[in-house]
C-alpha atoms as a PDB file:
ATOM      1  CA  MET A   1      16.414   3.295  -2.790  1.00  0.00           C
ATOM      2  CA  THR A   2      14.072   5.503  -4.764  1.00  0.00           C
ATOM      3  CA  GLN A   3      12.289   8.598  -3.534  1.00  0.00           C
ATOM      4  CA  VAL A   4       8.498   8.683  -3.769  1.00  0.00           C
ATOM      5  CA  THR A   5       6.322  11.730  -3.309  1.00  0.00           C
ATOM      6  CA  MET A   6       2.568  11.647  -2.887  1.00  0.00           C
ATOM      7  CA  THR A   7      -0.222  13.555  -1.218  1.00  0.00           C
ATOM      8  CA  VAL A   8      -1.558  11.652   1.791  1.00  0.00           C
ATOM      9  CA  ASN A   9      -4.644  13.008   3.537  1.00  0.00           C
ATOM     10  CA  GLY A  10      -4.082  16.386   1.900  1.00  0.00           C
ATOM     11  CA  LYS A  11      -0.386  16.715   2.811  1.00  0.00           C
ATOM     12  CA  SER A  12       2.579  16.255   0.503  1.00  0.00           C
ATOM     13  CA  VAL A  13       4.914  13.530   1.777  1.00  0.00           C
ATOM     14  CA  SER A  14       8.131  12.015   0.480  1.00  0.00           C
ATOM     15  CA  GLY A  15      10.294   9.097   1.454  1.00  0.00           C
ATOM     16  CA  ASP A  16      12.941   6.711   0.217  1.00  0.00           C
ATOM     17  CA  VAL A  17      11.735   3.196  -0.529  1.00  0.00           C
ATOM     18  CA  GLU A  18      13.048  -0.012  -1.980  1.00  0.00           C
ATOM     19  CA  GLY A  19      11.298  -1.226  -5.112  1.00  0.00           C
ATOM     20  CA  ARG A  20       9.616  -4.006  -3.139  1.00  0.00           C
ATOM     21  CA  THR A  21       8.182  -1.725  -0.428  1.00  0.00           C
ATOM     22  CA  LEU A  22       4.421  -2.152  -0.211  1.00  0.00           C
ATOM     23  CA  LEU A  23       2.255   0.933   0.014  1.00  0.00           C
ATOM     24  CA  SER A  24       0.828  -0.370   3.309  1.00  0.00           C
ATOM     25  CA  THR A  25       4.363  -0.575   4.713  1.00  0.00           C
ATOM     26  CA  PHE A  26       5.221   2.939   3.512  1.00  0.00           C
ATOM     27  CA  ILE A  27       2.054   4.336   5.090  1.00  0.00           C
ATOM     28  CA  ARG A  28       2.543   2.559   8.415  1.00  0.00           C
ATOM     29  CA  GLU A  29       6.325   2.660   8.817  1.00  0.00           C
ATOM     30  CA  ASN A  30       7.494   5.733   6.906  1.00  0.00           C
ATOM     31  CA  LEU A  31       4.498   7.969   7.630  1.00  0.00           C
ATOM     32  CA  SER A  32       3.513   6.513  11.048  1.00  0.00           C
ATOM     33  CA  LEU A  33      -0.140   6.341   9.956  1.00  0.00           C
ATOM     34  CA  THR A  34      -1.006   3.107  11.699  1.00  0.00           C
ATOM     35  CA  GLY A  35      -4.759   3.169  11.098  1.00  0.00           C
ATOM     36  CA  THR A  36      -4.228   1.230   7.888  1.00  0.00           C
ATOM     37  CA  HIS A  37      -4.103  -2.329   9.189  1.00  0.00           C
ATOM     38  CA  VAL A  38      -2.359  -5.287   7.605  1.00  0.00           C
ATOM     39  CA  GLY A  39      -4.117  -8.558   8.217  1.00  0.00           C
ATOM     40  CA  CYS A  40      -3.169 -10.979   5.490  1.00  0.00           C
ATOM     41  CA  ASP A  41      -0.610  -9.426   3.108  1.00  0.00           C
ATOM     42  CA  THR A  42      -2.480 -11.119   0.260  1.00  0.00           C
ATOM     43  CA  GLY A  43      -5.356  -8.684  -0.394  1.00  0.00           C
ATOM     44  CA  GLN A  44      -7.994 -11.075   0.884  1.00  0.00           C
ATOM     45  CA  CYS A  45      -9.035  -9.444   4.165  1.00  0.00           C
ATOM     46  CA  GLY A  46      -9.425  -5.775   3.146  1.00  0.00           C
ATOM     47  CA  ALA A  47      -8.043  -4.364   6.426  1.00  0.00           C
ATOM     48  CA  CYS A  48      -5.488  -2.313   4.463  1.00  0.00           C
ATOM     49  CA  THR A  49      -8.029  -0.687   2.125  1.00  0.00           C
ATOM     50  CA  ILE A  50      -7.286   2.954   1.262  1.00  0.00           C
ATOM     51  CA  ASP A  51      -8.215   5.386  -1.499  1.00  0.00           C
ATOM     52  CA  VAL A  52      -5.672   6.097  -4.272  1.00  0.00           C
ATOM     53  CA  ASN A  53      -6.642   8.695  -6.871  1.00  0.00           C
ATOM     54  CA  GLY A  54     -10.321   8.147  -6.085  1.00  0.00           C
ATOM     55  CA  LYS A  55     -10.228   4.359  -6.300  1.00  0.00           C
ATOM     56  CA  SER A  56     -10.418   1.799  -3.517  1.00  0.00           C
ATOM     57  CA  VAL A  57      -7.116  -0.071  -3.227  1.00  0.00           C
ATOM     58  CA  LYS A  58      -5.830  -2.819  -0.967  1.00  0.00           C
ATOM     59  CA  SER A  59      -2.524  -1.227  -0.042  1.00  0.00           C
ATOM     60  CA  CYS A  60      -0.806  -4.557   0.646  1.00  0.00           C
ATOM     61  CA  ASN A  61      -1.215  -5.307  -3.082  1.00  0.00           C
ATOM     62  CA  MET A  62       0.397  -2.100  -4.332  1.00  0.00           C
ATOM     63  CA  PHE A  63       4.003  -0.990  -4.271  1.00  0.00           C
ATOM     64  CA  ALA A  64       4.785   2.434  -2.833  1.00  0.00           C
ATOM     65  CA  LEU A  65       6.516   3.304  -6.125  1.00  0.00           C
ATOM     66  CA  GLU A  66       3.192   2.820  -7.939  1.00  0.00           C
ATOM     67  CA  ALA A  67       1.683   5.572  -5.788  1.00  0.00           C
ATOM     68  CA  ASP A  68       4.366   8.134  -6.691  1.00  0.00           C
ATOM     69  CA  GLY A  69       2.489  11.356  -7.493  1.00  0.00           C
ATOM     70  CA  ALA A  70      -0.841   9.952  -6.288  1.00  0.00           C
ATOM     71  CA  GLU A  71      -3.535  11.399  -4.032  1.00  0.00           C
ATOM     72  CA  VAL A  72      -3.967   8.962  -1.142  1.00  0.00           C
ATOM     73  CA  THR A  73      -6.589   8.942   1.595  1.00  0.00           C
ATOM     74  CA  THR A  74      -6.222   6.693   4.615  1.00  0.00           C
ATOM     75  CA  ILE A  75      -8.581   6.197   7.548  1.00  0.00           C
ATOM     76  CA  GLU A  76      -6.843   9.124   9.275  1.00  0.00           C
ATOM     77  CA  GLY A  77      -8.070  11.343   6.440  1.00  0.00           C
ATOM     78  CA  MET A  78     -11.724  10.417   6.976  1.00  0.00           C
ATOM     79  CA  ALA A  79     -12.198  12.664  10.013  1.00  0.00           C
ATOM     80  CA  ASN A  80     -13.634  16.155   9.708  1.00  0.00           C
ATOM     81  CA  GLU A  81     -11.235  19.125   9.636  1.00  0.00           C
ATOM     82  CA  ASP A  82     -11.865  19.781  13.345  1.00  0.00           C
ATOM     83  CA  GLY A  83     -10.867  16.196  14.193  1.00  0.00           C
ATOM     84  CA  SER A  84     -14.399  14.974  14.859  1.00  0.00           C
ATOM     85  CA  LEU A  85     -15.611  11.764  13.257  1.00  0.00           C
ATOM     86  CA  GLY A  86     -16.629  11.951   9.627  1.00  0.00           C
ATOM     87  CA  THR A  87     -20.095  10.838   8.529  1.00  0.00           C
ATOM     88  CA  ILE A  88     -19.170   7.212   7.866  1.00  0.00           C
ATOM     89  CA  GLN A  89     -17.095   6.922  11.042  1.00  0.00           C
ATOM     90  CA  ALA A  90     -19.913   8.424  13.122  1.00  0.00           C
ATOM     91  CA  ALA A  91     -22.409   5.980  11.588  1.00  0.00           C
ATOM     92  CA  PHE A  92     -20.132   3.054  12.478  1.00  0.00           C
ATOM     93  CA  ARG A  93     -20.007   4.286  16.072  1.00  0.00           C
ATOM     94  CA  GLU A  94     -23.730   5.025  16.306  1.00  0.00           C
ATOM     95  CA  HIS A  95     -24.768   1.653  14.853  1.00  0.00           C
ATOM     96  CA  HIS A  96     -21.985  -0.336  16.524  1.00  0.00           C
ATOM     97  CA  GLY A  97     -20.482  -1.409  13.210  1.00  0.00           C
ATOM     98  CA  LEU A  98     -17.362  -2.660  14.974  1.00  0.00           C
ATOM     99  CA  GLN A  99     -16.263  -4.918  17.771  1.00  0.00           C
ATOM    100  CA  CYS A 100     -12.539  -5.547  18.015  1.00  0.00           C
ATOM    101  CA  GLY A 101     -11.941  -2.757  15.481  1.00  0.00           C
ATOM    102  CA  PHE A 102      -9.255  -4.481  13.433  1.00  0.00           C
ATOM    103  CA  CYS A 103     -11.266  -4.540  10.201  1.00  0.00           C
ATOM    104  CA  THR A 104     -12.936  -1.175  10.828  1.00  0.00           C
ATOM    105  CA  PRO A 105     -10.512   1.104   8.929  1.00  0.00           C
ATOM    106  CA  GLY A 106     -10.798  -1.080   5.828  1.00  0.00           C
ATOM    107  CA  MET A 107     -14.567  -1.286   6.184  1.00  0.00           C
ATOM    108  CA  VAL A 108     -14.867   2.502   6.498  1.00  0.00           C
ATOM    109  CA  MET A 109     -12.641   3.033   3.457  1.00  0.00           C
ATOM    110  CA  THR A 110     -14.637   0.464   1.469  1.00  0.00           C
ATOM    111  CA  ALA A 111     -17.857   2.203   2.540  1.00  0.00           C
ATOM    112  CA  LYS A 112     -16.403   5.492   1.269  1.00  0.00           C
ATOM    113  CA  ALA A 113     -15.672   3.914  -2.114  1.00  0.00           C
ATOM    114  CA  LEU A 114     -19.171   2.448  -2.305  1.00  0.00           C
ATOM    115  CA  LEU A 115     -20.894   5.706  -1.352  1.00  0.00           C
ATOM    116  CA  ASP A 116     -18.720   7.677  -3.789  1.00  0.00           C
ATOM    117  CA  GLU A 117     -19.809   5.286  -6.534  1.00  0.00           C
ATOM    118  CA  ASN A 118     -23.409   4.777  -5.385  1.00  0.00           C
ATOM    119  CA  PRO A 119     -24.701   7.318  -2.834  1.00  0.00           C
ATOM    120  CA  ASN A 120     -27.990   5.451  -2.360  1.00  0.00           C
ATOM    121  CA  PRO A 121     -27.097   1.728  -2.227  1.00  0.00           C
ATOM    122  CA  THR A 122     -29.509  -1.044  -1.428  1.00  0.00           C
ATOM    123  CA  GLU A 123     -28.747  -3.472   1.364  1.00  0.00           C
ATOM    124  CA  ALA A 124     -27.779  -6.039  -1.291  1.00  0.00           C
ATOM    125  CA  ASP A 125     -25.410  -3.502  -2.870  1.00  0.00           C
ATOM    126  CA  VAL A 126     -23.697  -2.923   0.481  1.00  0.00           C
ATOM    127  CA  ARG A 127     -23.348  -6.620   1.211  1.00  0.00           C
ATOM    128  CA  ALA A 128     -21.919  -7.296  -2.272  1.00  0.00           C
ATOM    129  CA  TYR A 129     -19.466  -4.384  -2.013  1.00  0.00           C
ATOM    130  CA  LEU A 130     -18.199  -5.656   1.343  1.00  0.00           C
ATOM    131  CA  SER A 131     -17.422  -9.086  -0.089  1.00  0.00           C
ATOM    132  CA  GLY A 132     -13.711  -8.228  -0.269  1.00  0.00           C
ATOM    133  CA  ASN A 133     -13.498  -7.350   3.427  1.00  0.00           C
ATOM    134  CA  LEU A 134     -13.415  -9.869   6.255  1.00  0.00           C
ATOM    135  CA  CYS A 135     -14.718  -9.341   9.771  1.00  0.00           C
ATOM    136  CA  ARG A 136     -14.397 -12.124  12.292  1.00  0.00           C
ATOM    137  CA  CYS A 137     -16.452 -10.462  15.035  1.00  0.00           C
ATOM    138  CA  THR A 138     -19.599  -8.672  13.910  1.00  0.00           C
ATOM    139  CA  GLY A 139     -21.428 -10.865  11.436  1.00  0.00           C
ATOM    140  CA  TYR A 140     -21.665  -7.737   9.214  1.00  0.00           C
ATOM    141  CA  HIS A 141     -25.232  -6.817  10.237  1.00  0.00           C
ATOM    142  CA  ASN A 142     -24.285  -3.617  12.059  1.00  0.00           C
ATOM    143  CA  ILE A 143     -21.649  -2.747   9.462  1.00  0.00           C
ATOM    144  CA  VAL A 144     -24.349  -2.866   6.786  1.00  0.00           C
ATOM    145  CA  LYS A 145     -26.648  -0.758   8.995  1.00  0.00           C
ATOM    146  CA  ALA A 146     -23.878   1.794   9.527  1.00  0.00           C
ATOM    147  CA  ILE A 147     -23.202   2.151   5.809  1.00  0.00           C
ATOM    148  CA  MET A 148     -26.901   2.448   5.022  1.00  0.00           C
ATOM    149  CA  ALA A 149     -27.206   5.106   7.744  1.00  0.00           C
ATOM    150  CA  ALA A 150     -24.186   6.980   6.371  1.00  0.00           C
ATOM    151  CA  SER A 151     -26.005   7.137   3.042  1.00  0.00           C
ATOM    152  CA  GLY A 152     -28.928   8.824   4.787  1.00  0.00           C
ATOM    153  CA  GLN A 153     -31.286   5.875   4.566  1.00  0.00           C
ATOM    154  CA  ASP A 154     -33.624   4.392   7.158  1.00  0.00           C
ATOM    155  CA  VAL A 155     -31.911   1.369   8.672  1.00  0.00           C
ATOM    156  CA  SER A 156     -34.875  -0.086  10.545  1.00  0.00           C
ATOM    157  CA  ALA A 157     -35.532  -2.615   7.791  1.00  0.00           C
ATOM    158  CA  VAL A 158     -31.960  -3.913   7.466  1.00  0.00           C
ATOM    159  CA  ALA A 159     -32.234  -7.680   7.714  1.00  0.00           C
ATOM    160  CA  ALA A 160     -30.249  -9.563  10.333  1.00  0.00           C
ATOM    161  CA  GLU A 161     -28.263 -12.327   8.626  1.00  0.00           C
END
């Protein structure tokens, strides 16, 4: 076992892990932050997407040891300080960018990465950026609308596909 220390959602955390422990497992099991979902364990679905040192990461593809010393943000860290929904989360709720909710944490975290990189994306930009995240319920239309709305853009022209 090796001890890892990182900052998760603004708080310093430590824990003992085996070398093979995935970051998603550490977050869910050691830290009890269960908003980070694990859907495929292969990095294909995007449900486990988090932010590590300002970069979007699929946490099922990263070992906890690799995050030693890192700044990590999970879906739990996306809320406002008072516990209310953050801008992206509120846009997902307002524009019904979810159905079953399983993919939602990964979608919100991917939206954060996109908007950090490109605060004024086109609809095509949003759709391309979401290509690494799977949703089996929504058809993506309302997810795209939610992300466009979170960027402050008019969503009335978002095409239904």
